[in-house]
PDB file of N, CA and C in Angstrom:
ATOM      1  N   ASN A   1     -20.074 138.578  24.534  1.00  0.00           N
ATOM      2  CA  ASN A   1     -19.671 137.459  25.364  1.00  0.00           C
ATOM      3  C   ASN A   1     -19.547 137.883  26.826  1.00  0.00           C
ATOM      4  N   HIS A   2     -18.877 138.998  27.036  1.00  0.00           N
ATOM      5  CA  HIS A   2     -18.624 139.446  28.404  1.00  0.00           C
ATOM      6  C   HIS A   2     -19.934 139.692  29.147  1.00  0.00           C
ATOM      7  N   ILE A   3     -20.864 140.362  28.497  1.00  0.00           N
ATOM      8  CA  ILE A   3     -22.147 140.644  29.148  1.00  0.00           C
ATOM      9  C   ILE A   3     -22.893 139.346  29.450  1.00  0.00           C
ATOM     10  N   SER A   4     -22.940 138.437  28.487  1.00  0.00           N
ATOM     11  CA  SER A   4     -23.689 137.198  28.707  1.00  0.00           C
ATOM     12  C   SER A   4     -23.059 136.347  29.803  1.00  0.00           C
ATOM     13  N   GLU A   5     -21.749 136.446  29.974  1.00  0.00           N
ATOM     14  CA  GLU A   5     -21.073 135.692  31.031  1.00  0.00           C
ATOM     15  C   GLU A   5     -21.344 136.274  32.421  1.00  0.00           C
ATOM     16  N   HIS A   6     -21.707 137.552  32.478  1.00  0.00           N
ATOM     17  CA  HIS A   6     -21.996 138.200  33.760  1.00  0.00           C
ATOM     18  C   HIS A   6     -23.420 137.945  34.231  1.00  0.00           C
ATOM     19  N   ASN A   7     -24.270 137.598  33.326  1.00  0.00           N
ATOM     20  CA  ASN A   7     -25.672 137.440  33.706  1.00  0.00           C
ATOM     21  C   ASN A   7     -26.241 136.224  33.000  1.00  0.00           C
ATOM     22  N   GLY A   8     -26.435 135.140  33.729  1.00  0.00           N
ATOM     23  CA  GLY A   8     -26.901 133.895  33.155  1.00  0.00           C
ATOM     24  C   GLY A   8     -28.288 133.956  32.549  1.00  0.00           C
ATOM     25  N   VAL A   9     -29.054 135.015  32.803  1.00  0.00           N
ATOM     26  CA  VAL A   9     -30.411 135.124  32.289  1.00  0.00           C
ATOM     27  C   VAL A   9     -30.418 135.381  30.778  1.00  0.00           C
ATOM     28  N   PHE A  10     -29.446 136.122  30.287  1.00  0.00           N
ATOM     29  CA  PHE A  10     -29.437 136.495  28.880  1.00  0.00           C
ATOM     30  C   PHE A  10     -28.317 135.766  28.142  1.00  0.00           C
ATOM     31  N   SER A  11     -28.673 135.095  27.078  1.00  0.00           N
ATOM     32  CA  SER A  11     -27.686 134.371  26.278  1.00  0.00           C
ATOM     33  C   SER A  11     -26.878 135.340  25.429  1.00  0.00           C
ATOM     34  N   LYS A  12     -25.803 134.839  24.879  1.00  0.00           N
ATOM     35  CA  LYS A  12     -24.971 135.629  23.971  1.00  0.00           C
ATOM     36  C   LYS A  12     -25.814 136.133  22.794  1.00  0.00           C
ATOM     37  N   GLY A  13     -26.681 135.274  22.265  1.00  0.00           N
ATOM     38  CA  GLY A  13     -27.532 135.658  21.137  1.00  0.00           C
ATOM     39  C   GLY A  13     -28.520 136.748  21.498  1.00  0.00           C
ATOM     40  N   THR A  14     -29.081 136.674  22.692  1.00  0.00           N
ATOM     41  CA  THR A  14     -30.024 137.696  23.142  1.00  0.00           C
ATOM     42  C   THR A  14     -29.316 139.034  23.290  1.00  0.00           C
ATOM     43  N   VAL A  15     -28.157 139.016  23.909  1.00  0.00           N
ATOM     44  CA  VAL A  15     -27.389 140.254  24.093  1.00  0.00           C
ATOM     45  C   VAL A  15     -27.030 140.835  22.732  1.00  0.00           C
ATOM     46  N   LYS A  16     -26.575 139.994  21.821  1.00  0.00           N
ATOM     47  CA  LYS A  16     -26.212 140.468  20.477  1.00  0.00           C
ATOM     48  C   LYS A  16     -27.435 141.058  19.769  1.00  0.00           C
ATOM     49  N   GLY A  17     -28.573 140.397  19.899  1.00  0.00           N
ATOM     50  CA  GLY A  17     -29.795 140.906  19.276  1.00  0.00           C
ATOM     51  C   GLY A  17     -30.202 142.256  19.822  1.00  0.00           C
ATOM     52  N   VAL A  18     -30.139 142.410  21.135  1.00  0.00           N
ATOM     53  CA  VAL A  18     -30.510 143.676  21.761  1.00  0.00           C
ATOM     54  C   VAL A  18     -29.551 144.785  21.327  1.00  0.00           C
ATOM     55  N   THR A  19     -28.262 144.501  21.336  1.00  0.00           N
ATOM     56  CA  THR A  19     -27.310 145.550  20.948  1.00  0.00           C
ATOM     57  C   THR A  19     -27.427 145.885  19.462  1.00  0.00           C
ATOM     58  N   THR A  20     -27.697 144.888  18.623  1.00  0.00           N
ATOM     59  CA  THR A  20     -27.895 145.148  17.193  1.00  0.00           C
ATOM     60  C   THR A  20     -29.099 146.049  16.982  1.00  0.00           C
ATOM     61  N   ASP A  21     -30.205 145.731  17.670  1.00  0.00           N
ATOM     62  CA  ASP A  21     -31.401 146.572  17.572  1.00  0.00           C
ATOM     63  C   ASP A  21     -31.141 147.961  18.138  1.00  0.00           C
ATOM     64  N   MET A  22     -30.374 148.048  19.230  1.00  0.00           N
ATOM     65  CA  MET A  22     -30.070 149.343  19.825  1.00  0.00           C
ATOM     66  C   MET A  22     -29.302 150.220  18.838  1.00  0.00           C
ATOM     67  N   VAL A  23     -28.311 149.638  18.178  1.00  0.00           N
ATOM     68  CA  VAL A  23     -27.524 150.411  17.212  1.00  0.00           C
ATOM     69  C   VAL A  23     -28.408 150.878  16.062  1.00  0.00           C
ATOM     70  N   SER A  24     -29.285 150.014  15.589  1.00  0.00           N
ATOM     71  CA  SER A  24     -30.203 150.377  14.506  1.00  0.00           C
ATOM     72  C   SER A  24     -31.107 151.536  14.925  1.00  0.00           C
ATOM     73  N   CYS A  25     -31.670 151.440  16.125  1.00  0.00           N
ATOM     74  CA  CYS A  25     -32.539 152.507  16.633  1.00  0.00           C
ATOM     75  C   CYS A  25     -31.753 153.783  16.900  1.00  0.00           C
ATOM     76  N   LEU A  26     -30.542 153.650  17.421  1.00  0.00           N
ATOM     77  CA  LEU A  26     -29.690 154.811  17.683  1.00  0.00           C
ATOM     78  C   LEU A  26     -29.436 155.561  16.379  1.00  0.00           C
ATOM     79  N   ARG A  27     -29.084 154.822  15.344  1.00  0.00           N
ATOM     80  CA  ARG A  27     -28.835 155.434  14.036  1.00  0.00           C
ATOM     81  C   ARG A  27     -30.082 156.156  13.528  1.00  0.00           C
ATOM     82  N   GLU A  28     -31.225 155.484  13.621  1.00  0.00           N
ATOM     83  CA  GLU A  28     -32.491 156.062  13.164  1.00  0.00           C
ATOM     84  C   GLU A  28     -32.803 157.372  13.896  1.00  0.00           C
ATOM     85  N   MET A  29     -32.638 157.362  15.213  1.00  0.00           N
ATOM     86  CA  MET A  29     -32.941 158.553  16.008  1.00  0.00           C
ATOM     87  C   MET A  29     -31.960 159.694  15.717  1.00  0.00           C
ATOM     88  N   LEU A  30     -30.684 159.365  15.555  1.00  0.00           N
ATOM     89  CA  LEU A  30     -29.682 160.393  15.276  1.00  0.00           C
ATOM     90  C   LEU A  30     -29.922 161.043  13.914  1.00  0.00           C
ATOM     91  N   VAL A  31     -30.192 160.222  12.913  1.00  0.00           N
ATOM     92  CA  VAL A  31     -30.431 160.756  11.571  1.00  0.00           C
ATOM     93  C   VAL A  31     -31.677 161.638  11.551  1.00  0.00           C
ATOM     94  N   ALA A  32     -32.619 161.345  12.438  1.00  0.00           N
ATOM     95  CA  ALA A  32     -33.826 162.173  12.547  1.00  0.00           C
ATOM     96  C   ALA A  32     -33.555 163.477  13.298  1.00  0.00           C
ATOM     97  N   GLY A  33     -32.319 163.644  13.793  1.00  0.00           N
ATOM     98  CA  GLY A  33     -31.951 164.885  14.466  1.00  0.00           C
ATOM     99  C   GLY A  33     -32.119 164.863  15.973  1.00  0.00           C
ATOM    100  N   ASN A  34     -32.384 163.702  16.536  1.00  0.00           N
ATOM    101  CA  ASN A  34     -32.581 163.601  17.981  1.00  0.00           C
ATOM    102  C   ASN A  34     -31.275 163.355  18.721  1.00  0.00           C
ATOM    103  N   LYS A  35     -31.224 163.833  19.938  1.00  0.00           N
ATOM    104  CA  LYS A  35     -30.155 163.486  20.867  1.00  0.00           C
ATOM    105  C   LYS A  35     -30.630 162.237  21.598  1.00  0.00           C
ATOM    106  N   VAL A  36     -29.763 161.245  21.734  1.00  0.00           N
ATOM    107  CA  VAL A  36     -30.143 160.001  22.383  1.00  0.00           C
ATOM    108  C   VAL A  36     -29.352 159.862  23.674  1.00  0.00           C
ATOM    109  N   ILE A  37     -30.064 159.669  24.781  1.00  0.00           N
ATOM    110  CA  ILE A  37     -29.429 159.490  26.081  1.00  0.00           C
ATOM    111  C   ILE A  37     -29.684 158.060  26.540  1.00  0.00           C
ATOM    112  N   ILE A  38     -28.602 157.343  26.835  1.00  0.00           N
ATOM    113  CA  ILE A  38     -28.708 155.994  27.371  1.00  0.00           C
ATOM    114  C   ILE A  38     -28.162 156.057  28.792  1.00  0.00           C
ATOM    115  N   ASP A  39     -29.069 155.895  29.753  1.00  0.00           N
ATOM    116  CA  ASP A  39     -28.683 156.008  31.161  1.00  0.00           C
ATOM    117  C   ASP A  39     -27.502 155.095  31.478  1.00  0.00           C
ATOM    118  N   GLY A  40     -26.516 155.646  32.171  1.00  0.00           N
ATOM    119  CA  GLY A  40     -25.347 154.880  32.573  1.00  0.00           C
ATOM    120  C   GLY A  40     -24.281 154.783  31.500  1.00  0.00           C
ATOM    121  N   LEU A  41     -24.624 155.134  30.270  1.00  0.00           N
ATOM    122  CA  LEU A  41     -23.651 155.084  29.172  1.00  0.00           C
ATOM    123  C   LEU A  41     -23.272 156.490  28.721  1.00  0.00           C
ATOM    124  N   GLY A  42     -24.259 157.277  28.337  1.00  0.00           N
ATOM    125  CA  GLY A  42     -23.978 158.632  27.918  1.00  0.00           C
ATOM    126  C   GLY A  42     -24.965 159.118  26.882  1.00  0.00           C
ATOM    127  N   SER A  43     -24.629 160.224  26.252  1.00  0.00           N
ATOM    128  CA  SER A  43     -25.511 160.797  25.238  1.00  0.00           C
ATOM    129  C   SER A  43     -24.819 160.803  23.884  1.00  0.00           C
ATOM    130  N   PHE A  44     -25.630 160.627  22.867  1.00  0.00           N
ATOM    131  CA  PHE A  44     -25.165 160.617  21.497  1.00  0.00           C
ATOM    132  C   PHE A  44     -25.922 161.699  20.734  1.00  0.00           C
ATOM    133  N   SER A  45     -25.204 162.413  19.901  1.00  0.00           N
ATOM    134  CA  SER A  45     -25.825 163.394  19.020  1.00  0.00           C
ATOM    135  C   SER A  45     -24.950 163.498  17.787  1.00  0.00           C
ATOM    136  N   ILE A  46     -25.400 164.264  16.818  1.00  0.00           N
ATOM    137  CA  ILE A  46     -24.581 164.448  15.620  1.00  0.00           C
ATOM    138  C   ILE A  46     -24.248 165.923  15.447  1.00  0.00           C
ATOM    139  N   SER A  47     -23.150 166.157  14.785  1.00  0.00           N
ATOM    140  CA  SER A  47     -22.788 167.504  14.372  1.00  0.00           C
ATOM    141  C   SER A  47     -22.463 167.431  12.890  1.00  0.00           C
ATOM    142  N   LEU A  48     -22.640 168.530  12.230  1.00  0.00           N
ATOM    143  CA  LEU A  48     -22.405 168.589  10.786  1.00  0.00           C
ATOM    144  C   LEU A  48     -21.207 169.468  10.486  1.00  0.00           C
ATOM    145  N   SER A  49     -20.446 169.088   9.476  1.00  0.00           N
ATOM    146  CA  SER A  49     -19.391 169.943   8.941  1.00  0.00           C
ATOM    147  C   SER A  49     -19.826 170.336   7.540  1.00  0.00           C
ATOM    148  N   SER A  50     -19.710 171.616   7.262  1.00  0.00           N
ATOM    149  CA  SER A  50     -20.185 172.083   5.962  1.00  0.00           C
ATOM    150  C   SER A  50     -19.315 173.212   5.430  1.00  0.00           C
ATOM    151  N   VAL A  51     -19.520 173.515   4.165  1.00  0.00           N
ATOM    152  CA  VAL A  51     -18.892 174.686   3.561  1.00  0.00           C
ATOM    153  C   VAL A  51     -19.963 175.764   3.473  1.00  0.00           C
ATOM    154  N   GLY A  52     -19.531 176.978   3.589  1.00  0.00           N
ATOM    155  CA  GLY A  52     -20.474 178.090   3.595  1.00  0.00           C
ATOM    156  C   GLY A  52     -21.141 178.341   2.253  1.00  0.00           C
ATOM    157  N   ALA A  53     -22.183 179.117   2.302  1.00  0.00           N
ATOM    158  CA  ALA A  53     -22.911 179.546   1.105  1.00  0.00           C
ATOM    159  C   ALA A  53     -23.103 181.056   1.203  1.00  0.00           C
ATOM    160  N   GLU A  54     -23.365 181.662   0.077  1.00  0.00           N
ATOM    161  CA  GLU A  54     -23.537 183.117   0.036  1.00  0.00           C
ATOM    162  C   GLU A  54     -24.758 183.571   0.834  1.00  0.00           C
ATOM    163  N   SER A  55     -25.765 182.698   0.937  1.00  0.00           N
ATOM    164  CA  SER A  55     -26.975 183.045   1.674  1.00  0.00           C
ATOM    165  C   SER A  55     -27.665 181.765   2.125  1.00  0.00           C
ATOM    166  N   MET A  56     -28.644 181.901   3.025  1.00  0.00           N
ATOM    167  CA  MET A  56     -29.418 180.746   3.479  1.00  0.00           C
ATOM    168  C   MET A  56     -30.120 180.079   2.298  1.00  0.00           C
ATOM    169  N   GLU A  57     -30.606 180.898   1.380  1.00  0.00           N
ATOM    170  CA  GLU A  57     -31.324 180.362   0.225  1.00  0.00           C
ATOM    171  C   GLU A  57     -30.415 179.490  -0.644  1.00  0.00           C
ATOM    172  N   LYS A  58     -29.119 179.792  -0.676  1.00  0.00           N
ATOM    173  CA  LYS A  58     -28.180 179.035  -1.518  1.00  0.00           C
ATOM    174  C   LYS A  58     -27.538 177.861  -0.777  1.00  0.00           C
ATOM    175  N   PHE A  59     -27.836 177.733   0.504  1.00  0.00           N
ATOM    176  CA  PHE A  59     -27.302 176.614   1.279  1.00  0.00           C
ATOM    177  C   PHE A  59     -28.183 175.402   1.038  1.00  0.00           C
ATOM    178  N   THR A  60     -27.549 174.300   0.583  1.00  0.00           N
ATOM    179  CA  THR A  60     -28.290 173.061   0.328  1.00  0.00           C
ATOM    180  C   THR A  60     -27.565 171.900   1.003  1.00  0.00           C
ATOM    181  N   ALA A  61     -28.148 170.735   0.909  1.00  0.00           N
ATOM    182  CA  ALA A  61     -27.533 169.535   1.488  1.00  0.00           C
ATOM    183  C   ALA A  61     -26.157 169.271   0.900  1.00  0.00           C
ATOM    184  N   SER A  62     -25.908 169.714  -0.313  1.00  0.00           N
ATOM    185  CA  SER A  62     -24.586 169.498  -0.923  1.00  0.00           C
ATOM    186  C   SER A  62     -23.487 170.294  -0.222  1.00  0.00           C
ATOM    187  N   ASN A  63     -23.855 171.294   0.560  1.00  0.00           N
ATOM    188  CA  ASN A  63     -22.874 172.042   1.344  1.00  0.00           C
ATOM    189  C   ASN A  63     -22.380 171.236   2.552  1.00  0.00           C
ATOM    190  N   ILE A  64     -23.152 170.256   2.955  1.00  0.00           N
ATOM    191  CA  ILE A  64     -22.785 169.428   4.112  1.00  0.00           C
ATOM    192  C   ILE A  64     -21.763 168.398   3.663  1.00  0.00           C
ATOM    193  N   LYS A  65     -20.606 168.402   4.298  1.00  0.00           N
ATOM    194  CA  LYS A  65     -19.500 167.530   3.895  1.00  0.00           C
ATOM    195  C   LYS A  65     -19.354 166.296   4.776  1.00  0.00           C
ATOM    196  N   SER A  66     -19.784 166.382   6.036  1.00  0.00           N
ATOM    197  CA  SER A  66     -19.712 165.194   6.892  1.00  0.00           C
ATOM    198  C   SER A  66     -20.696 165.314   8.043  1.00  0.00           C
ATOM    199  N   VAL A  67     -21.102 164.146   8.513  1.00  0.00           N
ATOM    200  CA  VAL A  67     -21.953 164.039   9.692  1.00  0.00           C
ATOM    201  C   VAL A  67     -21.115 163.312  10.734  1.00  0.00           C
ATOM    202  N   ASN A  68     -20.926 163.932  11.877  1.00  0.00           N
ATOM    203  CA  ASN A  68     -20.038 163.391  12.907  1.00  0.00           C
ATOM    204  C   ASN A  68     -20.829 162.959  14.128  1.00  0.00           C
ATOM    205  N   LEU A  69     -20.433 161.836  14.697  1.00  0.00           N
ATOM    206  CA  LEU A  69     -21.068 161.344  15.911  1.00  0.00           C
ATOM    207  C   LEU A  69     -20.397 161.994  17.113  1.00  0.00           C
ATOM    208  N   VAL A  70     -21.204 162.558  17.998  1.00  0.00           N
ATOM    209  CA  VAL A  70     -20.707 163.181  19.219  1.00  0.00           C
ATOM    210  C   VAL A  70     -21.185 162.318  20.390  1.00  0.00           C
ATOM    211  N   PHE A  71     -20.238 161.884  21.217  1.00  0.00           N
ATOM    212  CA  PHE A  71     -20.574 161.074  22.384  1.00  0.00           C
ATOM    213  C   PHE A  71     -20.088 161.781  23.632  1.00  0.00           C
ATOM    214  N   LYS A  72     -20.983 161.914  24.586  1.00  0.00           N
ATOM    215  CA  LYS A  72     -20.605 162.466  25.895  1.00  0.00           C
ATOM    216  C   LYS A  72     -20.873 161.375  26.922  1.00  0.00           C
ATOM    217  N   PRO A  73     -19.824 160.848  27.550  1.00  0.00           N
ATOM    218  CA  PRO A  73     -20.025 159.753  28.494  1.00  0.00           C
ATOM    219  C   PRO A  73     -20.831 160.169  29.717  1.00  0.00           C
ATOM    220  N   ALA A  74     -21.559 159.198  30.254  1.00  0.00           N
ATOM    221  CA  ALA A  74     -22.301 159.413  31.497  1.00  0.00           C
ATOM    222  C   ALA A  74     -21.304 159.631  32.629  1.00  0.00           C
ATOM    223  N   GLU A  75     -21.788 160.188  33.709  1.00  0.00           N
ATOM    224  CA  GLU A  75     -20.930 160.487  34.855  1.00  0.00           C
ATOM    225  C   GLU A  75     -20.141 159.261  35.311  1.00  0.00           C
ATOM    226  N   GLU A  76     -20.770 158.084  35.277  1.00  0.00           N
ATOM    227  CA  GLU A  76     -20.102 156.852  35.715  1.00  0.00           C
ATOM    228  C   GLU A  76     -18.877 156.515  34.881  1.00  0.00           C
ATOM    229  N   LEU A  77     -18.807 157.042  33.663  1.00  0.00           N
ATOM    230  CA  LEU A  77     -17.696 156.726  32.757  1.00  0.00           C
ATOM    231  C   LEU A  77     -16.705 157.875  32.596  1.00  0.00           C
ATOM    232  N   GLN A  78     -16.912 158.965  33.285  1.00  0.00           N
ATOM    233  CA  GLN A  78     -16.058 160.129  33.082  1.00  0.00           C
ATOM    234  C   GLN A  78     -14.748 160.085  33.849  1.00  0.00           C
ATOM    235  N   ASP A  79     -14.704 159.468  34.992  1.00  0.00           N
ATOM    236  CA  ASP A  79     -13.487 159.495  35.803  1.00  0.00           C
ATOM    237  C   ASP A  79     -12.959 158.073  35.987  1.00  0.00           C
ATOM    238  N   LEU A  80     -12.514 157.475  34.897  1.00  0.00           N
ATOM    239  CA  LEU A  80     -12.064 156.083  34.933  1.00  0.00           C
ATOM    240  C   LEU A  80     -10.712 155.913  35.610  1.00  0.00           C
ATOM    241  N   ILE A  81      -9.922 156.960  35.674  1.00  0.00           N
ATOM    242  CA  ILE A  81      -8.562 156.825  36.196  1.00  0.00           C
ATOM    243  C   ILE A  81      -8.543 156.404  37.666  1.00  0.00           C
ATOM    244  N   LYS A  82      -9.585 156.784  38.413  1.00  0.00           N
ATOM    245  CA  LYS A  82      -9.600 156.426  39.840  1.00  0.00           C
ATOM    246  C   LYS A  82      -9.790 154.924  40.051  1.00  0.00           C
ATOM    247  N   ASP A  83     -10.396 154.233  39.083  1.00  0.00           N
ATOM    248  CA  ASP A  83     -10.628 152.798  39.202  1.00  0.00           C
ATOM    249  C   ASP A  83      -9.639 151.959  38.395  1.00  0.00           C
ATOM    250  N   ALA A  84      -8.858 152.596  37.552  1.00  0.00           N
ATOM    251  CA  ALA A  84      -7.956 151.865  36.657  1.00  0.00           C
ATOM    252  C   ALA A  84      -6.646 151.517  37.360  1.00  0.00           C
ATOM    253  N   THR A  85      -6.079 150.416  36.934  1.00  0.00           N
ATOM    254  CA  THR A  85      -4.727 150.071  37.358  1.00  0.00           C
ATOM    255  C   THR A  85      -3.883 149.972  36.103  1.00  0.00           C
ATOM    256  N   PHE A  86      -2.646 150.324  36.213  1.00  0.00           N
ATOM    257  CA  PHE A  86      -1.781 150.378  35.046  1.00  0.00           C
ATOM    258  C   PHE A  86      -0.564 149.486  35.256  1.00  0.00           C
ATOM    259  N   THR A  87      -0.242 148.740  34.226  1.00  0.00           N
ATOM    260  CA  THR A  87       0.908 147.862  34.244  1.00  0.00           C
ATOM    261  C   THR A  87       1.737 148.158  33.003  1.00  0.00           C
ATOM    262  N   GLN A  88       3.008 148.391  33.199  1.00  0.00           N
ATOM    263  CA  GLN A  88       3.872 148.681  32.060  1.00  0.00           C
ATOM    264  C   GLN A  88       4.064 147.411  31.235  1.00  0.00           C
ATOM    265  N   VAL A  89       3.941 147.549  29.920  1.00  0.00           N
ATOM    266  CA  VAL A  89       4.146 146.426  29.006  1.00  0.00           C
ATOM    267  C   VAL A  89       5.088 146.857  27.895  1.00  0.00           C
ATOM    268  N   SER A  90       5.602 145.881  27.186  1.00  0.00           N
ATOM    269  CA  SER A  90       6.494 146.160  26.059  1.00  0.00           C
ATOM    270  C   SER A  90       5.726 146.868  24.953  1.00  0.00           C
ATOM    271  N   SER A  91       6.455 147.597  24.127  1.00  0.00           N
ATOM    272  CA  SER A  91       5.821 148.274  23.009  1.00  0.00           C
ATOM    273  C   SER A  91       5.248 147.239  22.042  1.00  0.00           C
ATOM    274  N   ARG A  92       4.327 147.665  21.203  1.00  0.00           N
ATOM    275  CA  ARG A  92       3.735 146.747  20.220  1.00  0.00           C
ATOM    276  C   ARG A  92       4.792 146.208  19.265  1.00  0.00           C
ATOM    277  N   LYS A  93       5.732 147.066  18.890  1.00  0.00           N
ATOM    278  CA  LYS A  93       6.790 146.614  17.984  1.00  0.00           C
ATOM    279  C   LYS A  93       7.644 145.541  18.643  1.00  0.00           C
ATOM    280  N   ALA A  94       7.957 145.727  19.925  1.00  0.00           N
ATOM    281  CA  ALA A  94       8.761 144.728  20.638  1.00  0.00           C
ATOM    282  C   ALA A  94       7.975 143.433  20.788  1.00  0.00           C
ATOM    283  N   GLN A  95       6.689 143.523  21.105  1.00  0.00           N
ATOM    284  CA  GLN A  95       5.855 142.327  21.221  1.00  0.00           C
ATOM    285  C   GLN A  95       5.791 141.582  19.892  1.00  0.00           C
ATOM    286  N   ALA A  96       5.629 142.324  18.797  1.00  0.00           N
ATOM    287  CA  ALA A  96       5.567 141.700  17.477  1.00  0.00           C
ATOM    288  C   ALA A  96       6.886 141.011  17.145  1.00  0.00           C
ATOM    289  N   ALA A  97       8.006 141.633  17.509  1.00  0.00           N
ATOM    290  CA  ALA A  97       9.317 141.048  17.241  1.00  0.00           C
ATOM    291  C   ALA A  97       9.511 139.752  18.031  1.00  0.00           C
ATOM    292  N   VAL A  98       9.058 139.735  19.286  1.00  0.00           N
ATOM    293  CA  VAL A  98       9.166 138.519  20.105  1.00  0.00           C
ATOM    294  C   VAL A  98       8.318 137.410  19.506  1.00  0.00           C
ATOM    295  N   LEU A  99       7.095 137.733  19.112  1.00  0.00           N
ATOM    296  CA  LEU A  99       6.215 136.734  18.513  1.00  0.00           C
ATOM    297  C   LEU A  99       6.813 136.180  17.222  1.00  0.00           C
ATOM    298  N   ALA A 100       7.349 137.059  16.383  1.00  0.00           N
ATOM    299  CA  ALA A 100       7.971 136.621  15.134  1.00  0.00           C
ATOM    300  C   ALA A 100       9.161 135.704  15.412  1.00  0.00           C
ATOM    301  N   ALA A 101       9.966 136.054  16.425  1.00  0.00           N
ATOM    302  CA  ALA A 101      11.124 135.228  16.779  1.00  0.00           C
ATOM    303  C   ALA A 101      10.673 133.861  17.293  1.00  0.00           C
ATOM    304  N   GLU A 102       9.628 133.843  18.106  1.00  0.00           N
ATOM    305  CA  GLU A 102       9.111 132.569  18.614  1.00  0.00           C
ATOM    306  C   GLU A 102       8.630 131.684  17.474  1.00  0.00           C
ATOM    307  N   LYS A 103       7.949 132.277  16.504  1.00  0.00           N
ATOM    308  CA  LYS A 103       7.454 131.509  15.356  1.00  0.00           C
ATOM    309  C   LYS A 103       8.596 130.915  14.539  1.00  0.00           C
ATOM    310  N   LYS A 104       9.719 131.635  14.491  1.00  0.00           N
ATOM    311  CA  LYS A 104      10.890 131.159  13.749  1.00  0.00           C
ATOM    312  C   LYS A 104      11.751 130.218  14.579  1.00  0.00           C
ATOM    313  N   GLY A 105      11.416 130.060  15.853  1.00  0.00           N
ATOM    314  CA  GLY A 105      12.206 129.206  16.729  1.00  0.00           C
ATOM    315  C   GLY A 105      13.474 129.869  17.231  1.00  0.00           C
ATOM    316  N   GLU A 106      13.535 131.184  17.125  1.00  0.00           N
ATOM    317  CA  GLU A 106      14.709 131.917  17.579  1.00  0.00           C
ATOM    318  C   GLU A 106      14.606 132.169  19.083  1.00  0.00           C
ATOM    319  N   GLY A 107      15.751 132.204  19.761  1.00  0.00           N
ATOM    320  CA  GLY A 107      15.763 132.385  21.200  1.00  0.00           C
ATOM    321  C   GLY A 107      16.048 133.794  21.651  1.00  0.00           C
ATOM    322  N   THR A 108      16.444 134.672  20.744  1.00  0.00           N
ATOM    323  CA  THR A 108      16.756 136.049  21.131  1.00  0.00           C
ATOM    324  C   THR A 108      16.122 137.033  20.155  1.00  0.00           C
ATOM    325  N   VAL A 109      15.936 138.259  20.644  1.00  0.00           N
ATOM    326  CA  VAL A 109      15.350 139.320  19.835  1.00  0.00           C
ATOM    327  C   VAL A 109      16.155 140.589  20.070  1.00  0.00           C
ATOM    328  N   ASP A 110      16.441 141.316  18.992  1.00  0.00           N
ATOM    329  CA  ASP A 110      17.114 142.617  19.104  1.00  0.00           C
ATOM    330  C   ASP A 110      16.030 143.674  19.277  1.00  0.00           C
ATOM    331  N   ILE A 111      15.756 144.046  20.527  1.00  0.00           N
ATOM    332  CA  ILE A 111      14.676 144.983  20.851  1.00  0.00           C
ATOM    333  C   ILE A 111      14.912 146.343  20.213  1.00  0.00           C
ATOM    334  N   ASP A 112      16.149 146.844  20.237  1.00  0.00           N
ATOM    335  CA  ASP A 112      16.430 148.143  19.630  1.00  0.00           C
ATOM    336  C   ASP A 112      16.127 148.145  18.141  1.00  0.00           C
ATOM    337  N   ALA A 113      16.494 147.068  17.482  1.00  0.00           N
ATOM    338  CA  ALA A 113      16.195 146.965  16.036  1.00  0.00           C
ATOM    339  C   ALA A 113      14.686 146.907  15.792  1.00  0.00           C
ATOM    340  N   ALA A 114      13.979 146.204  16.665  1.00  0.00           N
ATOM    341  CA  ALA A 114      12.528 146.097  16.526  1.00  0.00           C
ATOM    342  C   ALA A 114      11.860 147.459  16.706  1.00  0.00           C
ATOM    343  N   LYS A 115      12.317 148.229  17.674  1.00  0.00           N
ATOM    344  CA  LYS A 115      11.717 149.541  17.932  1.00  0.00           C
ATOM    345  C   LYS A 115      11.965 150.515  16.794  1.00  0.00           C
ATOM    346  N   ASN A 116      13.058 150.345  16.086  1.00  0.00           N
ATOM    347  CA  ASN A 116      13.428 151.258  15.014  1.00  0.00           C
ATOM    348  C   ASN A 116      12.946 150.802  13.645  1.00  0.00           C
ATOM    349  N   SER A 117      12.260 149.694  13.595  1.00  0.00           N
ATOM    350  CA  SER A 117      11.818 149.200  12.275  1.00  0.00           C
ATOM    351  C   SER A 117      10.507 149.824  11.866  1.00  0.00           C
TER     352      SER A 117
END
């Protein structure tokens, strides 16, 4: 939605289609052992976690326990703190307690009790 609202040329459906195809292609390339670089976004690669074997000959695919996605952000995404602004907000527990109280028609909330629940 956000992307389609920024650029009137591409509809929400077009953006969704492109990103769906991108994810499919990204998966295909990663499984094939390729590193994928998307300019302005970053690079994607995989790493494997495995258990050892007595020798190379005894190492098989069953030794591989997980395939992990490795993402390295592009330079444009590495130093976000310089552009970010921060606003203090209530904790999630306090927000949930306020919402629950509003739904019940209650006018007060015990914040300390909410934080400790």
